PDB file of N, CA and C in Angstrom:
ATOM      1  N   UNK A   1     -32.782  33.111  20.840  1.00  0.00           N
ATOM      2  CA  UNK A   1     -31.799  33.891  20.129  1.00  0.00           C
ATOM      3  C   UNK A   1     -30.648  33.038  19.613  1.00  0.00           C
ATOM      4  N   UNK A   2     -30.632  31.755  19.907  1.00  0.00           N
ATOM      5  CA  UNK A   2     -29.538  30.928  19.421  1.00  0.00           C
ATOM      6  C   UNK A   2     -29.780  30.548  17.975  1.00  0.00           C
ATOM      7  N   UNK A   3     -28.695  30.342  17.266  1.00  0.00           N
ATOM      8  CA  UNK A   3     -28.802  29.926  15.868  1.00  0.00           C
ATOM      9  C   UNK A   3     -28.807  28.409  15.790  1.00  0.00           C
ATOM     10  N   UNK A   4     -29.108  27.890  14.620  1.00  0.00           N
ATOM     11  CA  UNK A   4     -29.140  26.440  14.452  1.00  0.00           C
ATOM     12  C   UNK A   4     -27.752  25.820  14.625  1.00  0.00           C
ATOM     13  N   UNK A   5     -26.706  26.539  14.203  1.00  0.00           N
ATOM     14  CA  UNK A   5     -25.356  26.013  14.322  1.00  0.00           C
ATOM     15  C   UNK A   5     -24.954  25.858  15.787  1.00  0.00           C
ATOM     16  N   UNK A   6     -25.386  26.767  16.621  1.00  0.00           N
ATOM     17  CA  UNK A   6     -25.055  26.691  18.034  1.00  0.00           C
ATOM     18  C   UNK A   6     -25.939  25.689  18.765  1.00  0.00           C
ATOM     19  N   UNK A   7     -27.157  25.494  18.294  1.00  0.00           N
ATOM     20  CA  UNK A   7     -28.097  24.611  18.979  1.00  0.00           C
ATOM     21  C   UNK A   7     -27.882  23.148  18.617  1.00  0.00           C
ATOM     22  N   UNK A   8     -27.359  22.851  17.415  1.00  0.00           N
ATOM     23  CA  UNK A   8     -27.203  21.454  17.013  1.00  0.00           C
ATOM     24  C   UNK A   8     -26.052  20.816  17.775  1.00  0.00           C
ATOM     25  N   UNK A   9     -26.224  19.573  18.198  1.00  0.00           N
ATOM     26  CA  UNK A   9     -25.157  18.909  18.946  1.00  0.00           C
ATOM     27  C   UNK A   9     -23.983  18.551  18.040  1.00  0.00           C
ATOM     28  N   UNK A  10     -22.811  18.478  18.637  1.00  0.00           N
ATOM     29  CA  UNK A  10     -21.596  18.145  17.904  1.00  0.00           C
ATOM     30  C   UNK A  10     -21.611  16.648  17.606  1.00  0.00           C
ATOM     31  N   UNK A  11     -21.278  16.258  16.359  1.00  0.00           N
ATOM     32  CA  UNK A  11     -21.278  14.824  16.056  1.00  0.00           C
ATOM     33  C   UNK A  11     -20.198  14.095  16.859  1.00  0.00           C
ATOM     34  N   UNK A  12     -20.407  12.811  17.057  1.00  0.00           N
ATOM     35  CA  UNK A  12     -19.450  12.025  17.837  1.00  0.00           C
ATOM     36  C   UNK A  12     -18.117  11.934  17.108  1.00  0.00           C
ATOM     37  N   UNK A  13     -17.088  11.530  17.830  1.00  0.00           N
ATOM     38  CA  UNK A  13     -15.756  11.443  17.222  1.00  0.00           C
ATOM     39  C   UNK A  13     -15.734  10.382  16.143  1.00  0.00           C
ATOM     40  N   UNK A  14     -16.507   9.312  16.311  1.00  0.00           N
ATOM     41  CA  UNK A  14     -16.555   8.258  15.304  1.00  0.00           C
ATOM     42  C   UNK A  14     -17.194   8.773  14.009  1.00  0.00           C
ATOM     43  N   UNK A  15     -18.242   9.563  14.138  1.00  0.00           N
ATOM     44  CA  UNK A  15     -18.884  10.132  12.949  1.00  0.00           C
ATOM     45  C   UNK A  15     -17.950  11.109  12.246  1.00  0.00           C
ATOM     46  N   UNK A  16     -17.168  11.858  13.019  1.00  0.00           N
ATOM     47  CA  UNK A  16     -16.213  12.784  12.408  1.00  0.00           C
ATOM     48  C   UNK A  16     -15.096  12.045  11.694  1.00  0.00           C
ATOM     49  N   UNK A  17     -14.615  10.930  12.270  1.00  0.00           N
ATOM     50  CA  UNK A  17     -13.563  10.139  11.634  1.00  0.00           C
ATOM     51  C   UNK A  17     -14.072   9.516  10.338  1.00  0.00           C
ATOM     52  N   UNK A  18     -15.275   8.967  10.377  1.00  0.00           N
ATOM     53  CA  UNK A  18     -15.859   8.366   9.175  1.00  0.00           C
ATOM     54  C   UNK A  18     -16.052   9.426   8.097  1.00  0.00           C
ATOM     55  N   UNK A  19     -16.521  10.607   8.478  1.00  0.00           N
ATOM     56  CA  UNK A  19     -16.681  11.699   7.513  1.00  0.00           C
ATOM     57  C   UNK A  19     -15.357  12.127   6.921  1.00  0.00           C
ATOM     58  N   UNK A  20     -14.336  12.170   7.758  1.00  0.00           N
ATOM     59  CA  UNK A  20     -13.001  12.537   7.280  1.00  0.00           C
ATOM     60  C   UNK A  20     -12.489  11.514   6.276  1.00  0.00           C
ATOM     61  N   UNK A  21     -12.631  10.230   6.593  1.00  0.00           N
ATOM     62  CA  UNK A  21     -12.163   9.186   5.684  1.00  0.00           C
ATOM     63  C   UNK A  21     -12.928   9.193   4.366  1.00  0.00           C
ATOM     64  N   UNK A  22     -14.195   9.500   4.402  1.00  0.00           N
ATOM     65  CA  UNK A  22     -14.968   9.628   3.156  1.00  0.00           C
ATOM     66  C   UNK A  22     -14.456  10.794   2.321  1.00  0.00           C
ATOM     67  N   UNK A  23     -14.151  11.905   2.976  1.00  0.00           N
ATOM     68  CA  UNK A  23     -13.612  13.062   2.264  1.00  0.00           C
ATOM     69  C   UNK A  23     -12.246  12.747   1.656  1.00  0.00           C
ATOM     70  N   UNK A  24     -11.418  12.004   2.394  1.00  0.00           N
ATOM     71  CA  UNK A  24     -10.103  11.623   1.882  1.00  0.00           C
ATOM     72  C   UNK A  24     -10.259  10.756   0.640  1.00  0.00           C
ATOM     73  N   UNK A  25     -11.147   9.788   0.689  1.00  0.00           N
ATOM     74  CA  UNK A  25     -11.360   8.908  -0.456  1.00  0.00           C
ATOM     75  C   UNK A  25     -11.863   9.683  -1.672  1.00  0.00           C
ATOM     76  N   UNK A  26     -12.772  10.617  -1.456  1.00  0.00           N
ATOM     77  CA  UNK A  26     -13.274  11.392  -2.595  1.00  0.00           C
ATOM     78  C   UNK A  26     -12.190  12.305  -3.175  1.00  0.00           C
ATOM     79  N   UNK A  27     -11.302  12.837  -2.333  1.00  0.00           N
ATOM     80  CA  UNK A  27     -10.216  13.672  -2.841  1.00  0.00           C
ATOM     81  C   UNK A  27      -9.185  12.845  -3.595  1.00  0.00           C
ATOM     82  N   UNK A  28      -8.907  11.632  -3.115  1.00  0.00           N
ATOM     83  CA  UNK A  28      -7.939  10.774  -3.797  1.00  0.00           C
ATOM     84  C   UNK A  28      -8.429  10.356  -5.178  1.00  0.00           C
ATOM     85  N   UNK A  29      -9.719  10.290  -5.361  1.00  0.00           N
ATOM     86  CA  UNK A  29     -10.265   9.955  -6.680  1.00  0.00           C
ATOM     87  C   UNK A  29     -10.045  11.089  -7.677  1.00  0.00           C
ATOM     88  N   UNK A  30      -9.850  12.303  -7.187  1.00  0.00           N
ATOM     89  CA  UNK A  30      -9.630  13.460  -8.066  1.00  0.00           C
ATOM     90  C   UNK A  30      -8.179  13.603  -8.512  1.00  0.00           C
ATOM     91  N   UNK A  31      -7.271  12.866  -7.865  1.00  0.00           N
ATOM     92  CA  UNK A  31      -5.841  12.998  -8.139  1.00  0.00           C
ATOM     93  C   UNK A  31      -5.519  12.400  -9.502  1.00  0.00           C
ATOM     94  N   UNK A  32      -4.684  13.097 -10.261  1.00  0.00           N
ATOM     95  CA  UNK A  32      -4.168  12.570 -11.519  1.00  0.00           C
ATOM     96  C   UNK A  32      -2.816  11.953 -11.224  1.00  0.00           C
ATOM     97  N   UNK A  33      -2.762  10.622 -11.230  1.00  0.00           N
ATOM     98  CA  UNK A  33      -1.544   9.925 -10.892  1.00  0.00           C
ATOM     99  C   UNK A  33      -0.637   9.854 -12.100  1.00  0.00           C
ATOM    100  N   UNK A  34       0.693   9.938 -11.903  1.00  0.00           N
ATOM    101  CA  UNK A  34       1.615   9.878 -13.044  1.00  0.00           C
ATOM    102  C   UNK A  34       1.672   8.467 -13.630  1.00  0.00           C
ATOM    103  N   UNK A  35       2.002   8.415 -14.905  1.00  0.00           N
ATOM    104  CA  UNK A  35       2.196   7.111 -15.544  1.00  0.00           C
ATOM    105  C   UNK A  35       3.536   6.540 -15.092  1.00  0.00           C
ATOM    106  N   UNK A  36       3.771   5.273 -15.427  1.00  0.00           N
ATOM    107  CA  UNK A  36       5.013   4.619 -15.027  1.00  0.00           C
ATOM    108  C   UNK A  36       6.222   5.302 -15.673  1.00  0.00           C
ATOM    109  N   UNK A  37       6.086   5.703 -16.936  1.00  0.00           N
ATOM    110  CA  UNK A  37       7.195   6.387 -17.613  1.00  0.00           C
ATOM    111  C   UNK A  37       7.478   7.751 -16.988  1.00  0.00           C
ATOM    112  N   UNK A  38       6.436   8.502 -16.657  1.00  0.00           N
ATOM    113  CA  UNK A  38       6.632   9.803 -16.014  1.00  0.00           C
ATOM    114  C   UNK A  38       7.305   9.632 -14.654  1.00  0.00           C
ATOM    115  N   UNK A  39       6.916   8.599 -13.942  1.00  0.00           N
ATOM    116  CA  UNK A  39       7.502   8.344 -12.629  1.00  0.00           C
ATOM    117  C   UNK A  39       8.980   8.001 -12.742  1.00  0.00           C
ATOM    118  N   UNK A  40       9.345   7.181 -13.722  1.00  0.00           N
ATOM    119  CA  UNK A  40      10.754   6.822 -13.919  1.00  0.00           C
ATOM    120  C   UNK A  40      11.576   8.046 -14.310  1.00  0.00           C
ATOM    121  N   UNK A  41      11.041   8.886 -15.194  1.00  0.00           N
ATOM    122  CA  UNK A  41      11.777  10.088 -15.610  1.00  0.00           C
ATOM    123  C   UNK A  41      11.972  11.052 -14.444  1.00  0.00           C
ATOM    124  N   UNK A  42      10.926  11.262 -13.662  1.00  0.00           N
ATOM    125  CA  UNK A  42      11.025  12.176 -12.522  1.00  0.00           C
ATOM    126  C   UNK A  42      12.014  11.648 -11.486  1.00  0.00           C
ATOM    127  N   UNK A  43      12.012  10.342 -11.265  1.00  0.00           N
ATOM    128  CA  UNK A  43      12.950   9.745 -10.315  1.00  0.00           C
ATOM    129  C   UNK A  43      14.384   9.902 -10.801  1.00  0.00           C
ATOM    130  N   UNK A  44      14.616   9.704 -12.088  1.00  0.00           N
ATOM    131  CA  UNK A  44      15.962   9.860 -12.648  1.00  0.00           C
ATOM    132  C   UNK A  44      16.445  11.301 -12.496  1.00  0.00           C
ATOM    133  N   UNK A  45      15.566  12.256 -12.769  1.00  0.00           N
ATOM    134  CA  UNK A  45      15.941  13.667 -12.632  1.00  0.00           C
ATOM    135  C   UNK A  45      16.306  13.983 -11.183  1.00  0.00           C
ATOM    136  N   UNK A  46      15.549  13.479 -10.252  1.00  0.00           N
ATOM    137  CA  UNK A  46      15.815  13.743  -8.834  1.00  0.00           C
ATOM    138  C   UNK A  46      17.144  13.125  -8.417  1.00  0.00           C
ATOM    139  N   UNK A  47      17.414  11.893  -8.859  1.00  0.00           N
ATOM    140  CA  UNK A  47      18.664  11.233  -8.497  1.00  0.00           C
ATOM    141  C   UNK A  47      19.860  11.989  -9.068  1.00  0.00           C
ATOM    142  N   UNK A  48      19.775  12.426 -10.317  1.00  0.00           N
ATOM    143  CA  UNK A  48      20.872  13.185 -10.931  1.00  0.00           C
ATOM    144  C   UNK A  48      21.074  14.500 -10.190  1.00  0.00           C
ATOM    145  N   UNK A  49      19.995  15.177  -9.841  1.00  0.00           N
ATOM    146  CA  UNK A  49      20.098  16.440  -9.120  1.00  0.00           C
ATOM    147  C   UNK A  49      20.746  16.248  -7.746  1.00  0.00           C
ATOM    148  N   UNK A  50      20.356  15.209  -7.038  1.00  0.00           N
ATOM    149  CA  UNK A  50      20.908  14.965  -5.703  1.00  0.00           C
ATOM    150  C   UNK A  50      22.399  14.634  -5.794  1.00  0.00           C
ATOM    151  N   UNK A  51      22.785  13.832  -6.778  1.00  0.00           N
ATOM    152  CA  UNK A  51      24.206  13.500  -6.946  1.00  0.00           C
ATOM    153  C   UNK A  51      25.009  14.755  -7.295  1.00  0.00           C
ATOM    154  N   UNK A  52      24.493  15.567  -8.223  1.00  0.00           N
ATOM    155  CA  UNK A  52      25.187  16.800  -8.604  1.00  0.00           C
ATOM    156  C   UNK A  52      25.304  17.752  -7.414  1.00  0.00           C
ATOM    157  N   UNK A  53      24.250  17.870  -6.637  1.00  0.00           N
ATOM    158  CA  UNK A  53      24.290  18.738  -5.462  1.00  0.00           C
ATOM    159  C   UNK A  53      25.277  18.204  -4.429  1.00  0.00           C
ATOM    160  N   UNK A  54      25.352  16.890  -4.262  1.00  0.00           N
ATOM    161  CA  UNK A  54      26.310  16.293  -3.338  1.00  0.00           C
ATOM    162  C   UNK A  54      27.740  16.563  -3.761  1.00  0.00           C
ATOM    163  N   UNK A  55      28.002  16.444  -5.056  1.00  0.00           N
ATOM    164  CA  UNK A  55      29.349  16.735  -5.570  1.00  0.00           C
ATOM    165  C   UNK A  55      29.691  18.210  -5.353  1.00  0.00           C
ATOM    166  N   UNK A  56      28.748  19.088  -5.638  1.00  0.00           N
ATOM    167  CA  UNK A  56      28.978  20.525  -5.447  1.00  0.00           C
ATOM    168  C   UNK A  56      29.274  20.852  -3.985  1.00  0.00           C
ATOM    169  N   UNK A  57      28.485  20.295  -3.076  1.00  0.00           N
ATOM    170  CA  UNK A  57      28.695  20.568  -1.651  1.00  0.00           C
ATOM    171  C   UNK A  57      30.040  19.995  -1.194  1.00  0.00           C
ATOM    172  N   UNK A  58      30.397  18.812  -1.697  1.00  0.00           N
ATOM    173  CA  UNK A  58      31.696  18.224  -1.349  1.00  0.00           C
ATOM    174  C   UNK A  58      32.857  19.076  -1.823  1.00  0.00           C
ATOM    175  N   UNK A  59      32.786  19.569  -3.061  1.00  0.00           N
ATOM    176  CA  UNK A  59      33.837  20.432  -3.584  1.00  0.00           C
ATOM    177  C   UNK A  59      33.913  21.753  -2.822  1.00  0.00           C
ATOM    178  N   UNK A  60      32.761  22.319  -2.514  1.00  0.00           N
ATOM    179  CA  UNK A  60      32.729  23.566  -1.752  1.00  0.00           C
ATOM    180  C   UNK A  60      33.318  23.358  -0.361  1.00  0.00           C
ATOM    181  N   UNK A  61      33.005  22.237   0.265  1.00  0.00           N
ATOM    182  CA  UNK A  61      33.555  21.931   1.582  1.00  0.00           C
ATOM    183  C   UNK A  61      35.075  21.782   1.519  1.00  0.00           C
ATOM    184  N   UNK A  62      35.572  21.104   0.503  1.00  0.00           N
ATOM    185  CA  UNK A  62      37.023  20.944   0.353  1.00  0.00           C
ATOM    186  C   UNK A  62      37.704  22.284   0.133  1.00  0.00           C
ATOM    187  N   UNK A  63      37.120  23.126  -0.685  1.00  0.00           N
ATOM    188  CA  UNK A  63      37.690  24.453  -0.949  1.00  0.00           C
ATOM    189  C   UNK A  63      37.709  25.308   0.316  1.00  0.00           C
ATOM    190  N   UNK A  64      36.593  25.331   1.030  1.00  0.00           N
ATOM    191  CA  UNK A  64      36.540  26.140   2.252  1.00  0.00           C
ATOM    192  C   UNK A  64      37.475  25.589   3.321  1.00  0.00           C
ATOM    193  N   UNK A  65      37.636  24.276   3.384  1.00  0.00           N
ATOM    194  CA  UNK A  65      38.594  23.701   4.321  1.00  0.00           C
ATOM    195  C   UNK A  65      40.012  24.122   3.954  1.00  0.00           C
ATOM    196  N   UNK A  66      40.317  24.111   2.677  1.00  0.00           N
ATOM    197  CA  UNK A  66      41.632  24.544   2.227  1.00  0.00           C
ATOM    198  C   UNK A  66      41.875  25.994   2.614  1.00  0.00           C
ATOM    199  N   UNK A  67      40.890  26.834   2.378  1.00  0.00           N
ATOM    200  CA  UNK A  67      41.047  28.263   2.650  1.00  0.00           C
ATOM    201  C   UNK A  67      41.141  28.529   4.142  1.00  0.00           C
ATOM    202  N   UNK A  68      40.195  28.039   4.910  1.00  0.00           N
ATOM    203  CA  UNK A  68      40.111  28.427   6.316  1.00  0.00           C
ATOM    204  C   UNK A  68      41.000  27.615   7.235  1.00  0.00           C
ATOM    205  N   UNK A  69      41.321  26.401   6.900  1.00  0.00           N
ATOM    206  CA  UNK A  69      42.140  25.594   7.799  1.00  0.00           C
ATOM    207  C   UNK A  69      43.607  25.677   7.398  1.00  0.00           C
ATOM    208  N   UNK A  70      43.892  25.401   6.169  1.00  0.00           N
ATOM    209  CA  UNK A  70      45.292  25.334   5.731  1.00  0.00           C
ATOM    210  C   UNK A  70      45.917  26.723   5.599  1.00  0.00           C
ATOM    211  N   UNK A  71      45.282  27.591   4.840  1.00  0.00           N
ATOM    212  CA  UNK A  71      45.876  28.900   4.583  1.00  0.00           C
ATOM    213  C   UNK A  71      45.865  29.794   5.804  1.00  0.00           C
ATOM    214  N   UNK A  72      44.800  29.757   6.604  1.00  0.00           N
ATOM    215  CA  UNK A  72      44.741  30.586   7.809  1.00  0.00           C
ATOM    216  C   UNK A  72      45.747  30.075   8.832  1.00  0.00           C
ATOM    217  N   UNK A  73      45.938  28.758   8.893  1.00  0.00           N
ATOM    218  CA  UNK A  73      46.915  28.198   9.844  1.00  0.00           C
ATOM    219  C   UNK A  73      48.331  28.628   9.478  1.00  0.00           C
ATOM    220  N   UNK A  74      48.622  28.806   8.207  1.00  0.00           N
ATOM    221  CA  UNK A  74      49.966  29.245   7.780  1.00  0.00           C
ATOM    222  C   UNK A  74      50.223  30.697   8.152  1.00  0.00           C
ATOM    223  N   UNK A  75      49.177  31.478   8.353  1.00  0.00           N
ATOM    224  CA  UNK A  75      49.364  32.880   8.711  1.00  0.00           C
ATOM    225  C   UNK A  75      49.879  33.040  10.135  1.00  0.00           C
ATOM    226  N   UNK A  76      49.603  32.074  10.986  1.00  0.00           N
ATOM    227  CA  UNK A  76      49.995  32.204  12.403  1.00  0.00           C
ATOM    228  C   UNK A  76      51.115  31.339  12.734  1.00  0.00           C
TER     229      UNK A  76
END
């Protein structure tokens, strides 16, 4: 009453690792890698975004510090 899947022995760990690495290599061959120009443009966009976000967070932190530390302290 057993099926073939249950009756077949499990492959060794070495065979599973080799199979995994073969699958990884075949998947990497399917990847469309960006060109050098696309990579430079994407990197520039990310750097500009991170700098802008840093400036925004810094300004927001300064504003909230002004509101909650300075102005609230003057109330008491």
